[in-house]
């Protein structure tokens, strides 16, 4: 029984050693060629100023080779992009690689340069200390920094972050708060986050807020350009003037024709004086009536252009509200109406 257990233990140890050997196996020729190509592409992009593209290729090459030279290029690109926290983590990974007796001298040089880069970062990595306010007793706040969850034990203690803009969000079962902050290299910043209630705590009944009384404000006066009584009066006067002027003109021309038949060689006798006077009277009345028509039309147009101040739309006056009618008599005429 004991020998069987020893055999099983030896088999497990052998399997573990075999897996470790596979995990630490050297990259294939295709892997190494791919890594060399990625490194060259990364350097070209870095020379062109495309640091994000360069970093991506450096990281891909380092994932294949995982040697100090590839790791150093990753760390340098991260520093150039302001990813100081990530750069220090990459440098820590370089230090964990074990030096081999037959390794290239470039690896030893890369480790030394990684140590120098680490020293240059000392004191440059900023830190923020998150201080929460307004959390109810017993409520555990879930805090995130740039959407990354923060351990509850770190809240209230300095947390290392990269330089730049950061968003801090804290939430409990009944409240939440948010704060945004910009930090620079080496800055030690305290961030105050105030939690605001999002729903009432258990057992608390909130009364509906009372709406303030609505005060009615009188309507503001506005300028209306609609027709008014004055407009319709002008229209009526214009219409009546045209009617009277037309009739009087026709009568004046009729009297003039009668004179032409009564007078010989434009010489009229005493019997034609009445006809002559009537013709002149009707002509004068026609002129006056047409002048009145023009004045009425002008009044109507001006009243529409100028407009009038009103609070509520008044009921429009209709022509039926005005009664203006022309009248004529023997040798005379005029207008008659009521408003």
Protein backbone atom coordinates (compact mmCIF):
# COMPACT_ATOMS: atom_id res chain seq x y z
CA UNK A 1 0.00 0.00 0.00
CA UNK A 2 2.82 2.36 0.91
CA UNK A 3 4.67 1.59 -2.34
CA UNK A 4 1.49 2.40 -4.31
CA UNK A 5 1.24 5.81 -2.63
CA UNK A 6 4.88 6.54 -3.35
CA UNK A 7 4.33 5.63 -7.00
CA UNK A 8 1.35 8.00 -7.25
CA UNK A 9 3.31 10.82 -5.58
CA UNK A 10 6.24 10.29 -7.94
CA UNK A 11 3.88 10.36 -10.92
CA UNK A 12 2.36 13.66 -9.76
CA UNK A 13 5.79 15.21 -9.28
CA UNK A 14 6.84 14.04 -12.72
CA UNK A 15 3.68 15.47 -14.29
CA UNK A 16 4.27 18.81 -12.55
CA UNK A 17 7.85 18.96 -13.79
CA UNK A 18 6.70 18.14 -17.30
CA UNK A 19 4.08 20.93 -17.26
CA UNK A 20 6.65 23.41 -15.94
CA UNK A 21 9.02 22.43 -18.69
CA UNK A 22 6.31 22.97 -21.30
CA UNK A 23 5.36 26.36 -19.78
CA UNK A 24 9.01 27.49 -19.82
CA UNK A 25 9.74 26.13 -23.29
CA UNK A 26 11.57 28.50 -25.60
CA UNK A 27 9.46 30.24 -28.28
CA UNK A 28 9.42 28.61 -31.67
CA UNK A 29 11.20 30.05 -34.67
CA UNK A 30 7.88 31.44 -35.95
CA UNK A 31 7.23 33.06 -32.55
CA UNK A 32 10.65 34.71 -32.51
CA UNK A 33 10.25 35.99 -36.06
CA UNK A 34 6.81 37.39 -35.21
CA UNK A 35 8.23 39.12 -32.12
CA UNK A 36 11.09 40.66 -34.11
CA UNK A 37 8.61 41.97 -36.69
CA UNK A 38 6.36 43.42 -33.98
CA UNK A 39 9.30 45.13 -32.29
CA UNK A 40 10.35 46.78 -35.56
CA UNK A 41 6.80 47.94 -36.28
CA UNK A 42 6.57 49.34 -32.76
CA UNK A 43 9.80 51.32 -33.15
CA UNK A 44 8.62 52.75 -36.47
CA UNK A 45 5.31 53.85 -34.92
CA UNK A 46 7.14 55.34 -31.95
CA UNK A 47 9.33 57.38 -34.30
CA UNK A 48 6.18 58.65 -36.02
CA UNK A 49 4.65 59.73 -32.70
CA UNK A 50 2.03 56.95 -32.53
CA UNK A 51 2.79 55.83 -28.97
CA UNK A 52 -0.49 53.92 -28.40
CA UNK A 53 0.13 51.84 -31.53
CA UNK A 54 3.76 51.29 -30.53
CA UNK A 55 2.78 50.17 -27.02
CA UNK A 56 0.31 47.64 -28.36
CA UNK A 57 2.99 45.98 -30.53
CA UNK A 58 5.63 46.10 -27.79
CA UNK A 59 3.21 44.33 -25.46
CA UNK A 60 2.41 41.69 -28.10
CA UNK A 61 6.11 40.99 -28.64
CA UNK A 62 6.72 40.81 -24.87
CA UNK A 63 3.83 38.36 -24.49
CA UNK A 64 5.63 36.06 -26.93
CA UNK A 65 9.21 36.43 -25.70
CA UNK A 66 8.82 37.64 -22.10
CA UNK A 67 12.44 38.75 -21.89
CA UNK A 68 13.97 41.88 -20.31
CA UNK A 69 14.52 43.66 -23.65
CA UNK A 70 10.86 43.44 -24.72
CA UNK A 71 9.63 44.29 -21.22
CA UNK A 72 11.86 47.38 -21.08
CA UNK A 73 10.36 48.73 -24.32
CA UNK A 74 6.87 48.20 -22.91
CA UNK A 75 7.74 50.13 -19.74
CA UNK A 76 9.29 53.00 -21.70
CA UNK A 77 6.20 53.32 -23.89
CA UNK A 78 3.95 53.28 -20.82
CA UNK A 79 5.97 56.09 -19.22
CA UNK A 80 5.72 58.12 -22.44
CA UNK A 81 1.92 57.76 -22.32
CA UNK A 82 1.72 58.77 -18.64
CA UNK A 83 0.88 55.23 -17.52
CA UNK A 84 3.24 55.41 -14.58
CA UNK A 85 1.47 52.81 -12.43
CA UNK A 86 1.49 50.31 -15.29
CA UNK A 87 5.16 51.07 -16.06
CA UNK A 88 6.23 50.28 -12.50
CA UNK A 89 4.30 47.02 -12.65
CA UNK A 90 6.06 46.11 -15.92
CA UNK A 91 9.44 46.90 -14.37
CA UNK A 92 8.60 44.65 -11.42
CA UNK A 93 7.96 41.86 -13.92
CA UNK A 94 11.38 42.43 -15.51
CA UNK A 95 13.03 42.10 -12.10
CA UNK A 96 11.30 38.78 -11.53
CA UNK A 97 12.92 37.23 -14.60
CA UNK A 98 15.83 35.02 -13.61
CA UNK A 99 19.20 35.70 -15.18
CA UNK A 100 20.67 32.70 -16.97
CA UNK A 101 24.41 32.00 -17.30
CA UNK A 102 24.28 31.86 -21.08
CA UNK A 103 21.80 34.69 -21.69
CA UNK A 104 22.70 37.53 -24.14
CA UNK A 105 24.39 40.60 -22.66
CA UNK A 106 21.47 42.71 -23.90
CA UNK A 107 19.27 41.13 -21.19
CA UNK A 108 21.66 42.22 -18.45
CA UNK A 109 21.78 45.73 -19.92
CA UNK A 110 17.95 45.82 -20.10
CA UNK A 111 17.66 44.94 -16.41
CA UNK A 112 20.07 47.73 -15.50
CA UNK A 113 18.13 50.22 -17.62
CA UNK A 114 14.88 49.03 -16.01
CA UNK A 115 16.38 49.83 -12.59
CA UNK A 116 17.29 53.32 -13.81
CA UNK A 117 13.79 53.83 -15.18
CA UNK A 118 12.34 52.69 -11.85
CA UNK A 119 14.50 55.22 -10.02
CA UNK A 120 13.35 58.01 -12.34
CA UNK A 121 9.73 57.23 -11.49
CA UNK A 122 10.28 57.57 -7.75
CA UNK A 123 7.99 60.28 -6.41
CA UNK A 124 6.29 60.87 -9.79
CA UNK A 125 3.28 58.58 -9.29
CA UNK A 126 0.39 60.59 -7.80
CA UNK A 127 -2.02 59.29 -5.15
CA UNK A 128 -5.60 60.11 -4.15
CA UNK A 129 -7.26 59.60 -0.78
CA UNK A 130 -11.03 59.12 -1.00
CA UNK A 131 -13.07 60.51 1.90
CA UNK A 132 -16.78 59.65 1.99
CA UNK A 133 -19.47 61.85 3.56
CA UNK A 134 -23.16 61.21 4.15
CA UNK A 135 -23.15 57.42 4.39
CA UNK A 136 -25.73 56.10 6.84
CA UNK A 137 -24.51 54.05 9.80
CA UNK A 138 -24.04 50.43 8.78
CA UNK A 139 -24.14 51.17 5.03
CA UNK A 140 -21.17 49.75 3.16
CA UNK A 141 -20.17 51.91 0.20
CA UNK A 142 -19.01 50.35 -3.06
CA UNK A 143 -16.35 52.65 -4.53
CA UNK A 144 -14.96 52.62 -8.06
CA UNK A 145 -12.12 54.62 -9.58
CA UNK A 146 -12.50 54.93 -13.35
CA UNK A 147 -15.04 52.05 -13.18
CA UNK A 148 -12.51 49.79 -11.42
CA UNK A 149 -13.81 48.51 -8.02
CA UNK A 150 -11.80 49.67 -5.02
CA UNK A 151 -11.28 47.43 -2.02
CA UNK A 152 -13.15 48.67 1.04
CA UNK A 153 -9.94 48.53 3.06
CA UNK A 154 -8.28 51.10 0.77
CA UNK A 155 -11.02 53.71 1.13
CA UNK A 156 -9.59 56.55 3.20
CA UNK A 157 -6.01 55.56 2.37
CA UNK A 158 -3.74 56.83 -0.45
CA UNK A 159 -4.33 55.00 -3.73
CA UNK A 160 -1.77 55.28 -6.53
CA UNK A 161 -3.17 56.45 -9.87
CA UNK A 162 -1.81 57.67 -13.17
CA UNK A 163 -1.63 61.43 -13.82
CA UNK A 164 -4.71 62.79 -15.55
CA UNK A 165 -8.49 62.78 -15.17
CA UNK A 166 -10.23 60.33 -12.84
CA UNK A 167 -13.88 59.64 -11.95
CA UNK A 168 -14.72 58.39 -8.46
CA UNK A 169 -18.18 56.91 -7.79
CA UNK A 170 -19.48 55.69 -4.42
CA UNK A 171 -22.79 53.87 -3.90
CA UNK A 172 -24.69 52.41 -0.99
CA UNK A 173 -28.11 50.81 -0.85
CA UNK A 174 -29.79 54.19 -0.41
CA UNK A 175 -27.34 56.84 -1.60
CA UNK A 176 -24.67 57.58 -4.14
CA UNK A 177 -22.07 60.23 -4.92
CA UNK A 178 -19.70 61.11 -7.74
CA UNK A 179 -16.58 63.25 -7.98
CA UNK A 180 -14.19 63.97 -10.84
CA UNK A 181 -10.62 65.09 -10.35
CA UNK A 182 -7.46 65.87 -12.32
CA UNK A 183 -4.10 65.02 -10.78
CA UNK A 184 -0.56 65.76 -11.89
CA UNK A 185 2.67 63.84 -11.43
CA UNK A 186 3.68 63.53 -7.80
CA UNK A 187 0.47 65.12 -6.48
CA UNK A 188 -1.11 63.83 -3.26
CA UNK A 189 -4.82 64.76 -3.46
CA UNK A 190 -7.71 64.20 -1.07
CA UNK A 191 -11.05 63.60 -2.81
CA UNK A 192 -14.25 64.46 -0.94
CA UNK A 193 -17.26 62.41 -2.12
CA UNK A 194 -20.66 63.35 -0.67
CA UNK A 195 -23.35 60.67 -0.82
CA UNK A 196 -26.85 61.91 -1.65
CA UNK A 197 -29.93 59.83 -0.80
CA UNK A 198 -31.50 58.12 -3.81
CA UNK A 199 -34.35 56.43 -1.93
CA UNK A 200 -35.67 56.55 1.64
CA UNK A 201 -34.09 54.29 4.22
CA UNK A 202 -36.24 51.37 5.49
CA UNK A 203 -39.02 52.55 7.81
CA UNK A 204 -38.86 56.15 6.61
CA UNK A 205 -41.97 57.42 4.86
CA UNK A 206 -41.49 60.43 2.71
CA UNK A 207 -44.39 62.81 2.34
CA UNK A 208 -45.21 64.09 -1.07
CA UNK A 209 -43.83 67.58 -1.59
CA UNK A 210 -46.42 70.32 -1.52
CA UNK A 211 -46.67 72.19 -4.75
CA UNK A 212 -46.47 75.95 -4.29
CA UNK A 213 -49.64 77.86 -5.19
CA UNK A 214 -49.72 78.91 -8.77
CA UNK A 215 -50.05 82.64 -9.11
CA UNK A 216 -52.01 83.80 -12.07
CA UNK A 217 -50.22 86.50 -13.92
CA UNK A 218 -52.25 88.91 -15.99
CA UNK A 219 -51.71 88.51 -19.69
CA UNK A 220 -49.20 90.93 -21.12
CA UNK A 221 -50.62 93.46 -23.52
CA UNK A 222 -49.78 92.78 -27.13
CA UNK A 223 -50.10 94.77 -30.30
CA UNK A 224 -52.80 93.53 -32.66
CA UNK A 225 -53.03 94.43 -36.32
CA UNK A 226 -56.56 93.13 -36.74
CA UNK A 227 -59.46 95.33 -37.92
CA UNK A 228 -61.17 97.60 -35.39
CA UNK A 229 -64.22 99.84 -35.46
CA UNK A 230 -62.07 102.62 -36.91
CA UNK A 231 -60.93 100.28 -39.68
CA UNK A 232 -64.46 99.35 -40.64
CA UNK A 233 -65.54 103.02 -40.42
CA UNK A 234 -62.82 103.90 -42.93
CA UNK A 235 -63.93 101.05 -45.21
CA UNK A 236 -67.56 102.16 -45.00
CA UNK A 237 -66.63 105.80 -45.69
CA UNK A 238 -64.55 104.77 -48.68
CA UNK A 239 -67.36 102.65 -50.11
CA UNK A 240 -69.98 105.34 -49.60
CA UNK A 241 -67.70 108.00 -51.06
CA UNK A 242 -67.14 105.94 -54.18
CA UNK A 243 -70.89 105.35 -54.55
CA UNK A 244 -71.82 109.03 -54.06
CA UNK A 245 -68.96 110.23 -56.24
CA UNK A 246 -69.97 107.89 -59.04
CA UNK A 247 -73.66 108.85 -58.97
CA UNK A 248 -72.89 112.57 -58.70
CA UNK A 249 -70.42 112.31 -61.57
CA UNK A 250 -72.99 110.57 -63.76
CA UNK A 251 -75.58 113.25 -62.95
CA UNK A 252 -73.07 116.03 -63.65
CA UNK A 253 -72.27 114.55 -67.06
CA UNK A 254 -76.01 114.15 -67.75
CA UNK A 255 -76.64 117.85 -66.97
CA UNK A 256 -73.69 118.82 -69.17
CA UNK A 257 -75.14 116.83 -72.09
CA UNK A 258 -78.49 118.59 -71.57
CA UNK A 259 -76.76 121.99 -71.71
CA UNK A 260 -75.10 121.08 -74.99
CA UNK A 261 -78.53 120.42 -76.50
CA UNK A 262 -80.06 123.66 -75.07
CA UNK A 263 -77.21 125.99 -76.00
CA UNK A 264 -76.26 127.01 -79.54
CA UNK A 265 -72.60 127.65 -80.29
CA UNK A 266 -71.91 127.37 -76.53
CA UNK A 267 -74.21 130.33 -75.84
CA UNK A 268 -76.93 129.57 -73.30
CA UNK A 269 -79.96 131.60 -72.45
CA UNK A 270 -81.35 132.47 -69.01
CA UNK A 271 -83.54 129.37 -69.07
CA UNK A 272 -80.40 127.17 -68.91
CA UNK A 273 -79.02 128.69 -65.71
CA UNK A 274 -80.63 126.03 -63.48
CA UNK A 275 -79.19 123.20 -65.56
CA UNK A 276 -75.74 124.82 -65.54
CA UNK A 277 -75.79 125.30 -61.77
CA UNK A 278 -76.90 121.67 -61.22
CA UNK A 279 -74.08 120.37 -63.42
CA UNK A 280 -71.52 122.34 -61.40
CA UNK A 281 -73.05 121.25 -58.10
CA UNK A 282 -72.98 117.55 -59.01
CA UNK A 283 -69.42 117.87 -60.27
CA UNK A 284 -68.32 119.44 -56.97
CA UNK A 285 -70.16 116.76 -55.00
CA UNK A 286 -68.45 114.01 -57.04
CA UNK A 287 -65.04 115.50 -56.32
CA UNK A 288 -65.77 115.81 -52.59
CA UNK A 289 -67.19 112.26 -52.41
CA UNK A 290 -64.15 110.71 -54.09
CA UNK A 291 -61.90 112.70 -51.74
CA UNK A 292 -63.86 111.33 -48.78
CA UNK A 293 -63.49 107.81 -50.22
CA UNK A 294 -59.72 108.28 -50.37
CA UNK A 295 -59.62 109.54 -46.78
CA UNK A 296 -61.68 106.56 -45.57
CA UNK A 297 -59.39 104.10 -47.35
CA UNK A 298 -56.34 105.82 -45.81
CA UNK A 299 -57.86 105.58 -42.31
CA UNK A 300 -58.55 101.84 -42.78
CA UNK A 301 -55.02 101.08 -44.01
CA UNK A 302 -53.26 103.15 -41.31
CA UNK A 303 -55.30 101.52 -38.53
CA UNK A 304 -54.21 98.09 -39.74
CA UNK A 305 -50.52 99.06 -40.03
CA UNK A 306 -50.24 100.89 -36.69
CA UNK A 307 -52.33 98.32 -34.82
CA UNK A 308 -53.67 98.66 -31.30
CA UNK A 309 -52.76 97.39 -27.84
CA UNK A 310 -54.89 94.54 -26.54
CA UNK A 311 -54.86 92.01 -23.67
CA UNK A 312 -57.32 89.53 -25.05
CA UNK A 313 -58.35 89.27 -28.63
CA UNK A 314 -61.37 91.54 -29.04
CA UNK A 315 -64.31 90.45 -31.06
CA UNK A 316 -63.87 91.83 -34.53
CA UNK A 317 -66.29 94.52 -35.50
CA UNK A 318 -68.27 93.60 -38.55
CA UNK A 319 -69.51 95.95 -41.24
CA UNK A 320 -73.03 95.28 -39.98
CA UNK A 321 -72.21 97.24 -36.81
CA UNK A 322 -71.88 100.40 -38.92
CA UNK A 323 -74.75 101.84 -40.91
CA UNK A 324 -73.49 104.33 -43.46
CA UNK A 325 -75.65 104.97 -46.54
CA UNK A 326 -75.37 107.61 -49.24
CA UNK A 327 -78.38 109.80 -49.93
CA UNK A 328 -79.23 112.15 -52.70
CA UNK A 329 -81.88 114.74 -53.17
CA UNK A 330 -82.80 117.28 -55.80
CA UNK A 331 -79.57 119.11 -56.46
CA UNK A 332 -77.90 117.75 -53.35
CA UNK A 333 -76.36 114.50 -51.90
CA UNK A 334 -74.57 113.27 -48.77
CA UNK A 335 -73.79 110.40 -46.32
CA UNK A 336 -75.97 109.17 -43.47
CA UNK A 337 -74.98 106.60 -40.85
CA UNK A 338 -74.91 105.45 -37.22
CA UNK A 339 -72.04 103.91 -35.15
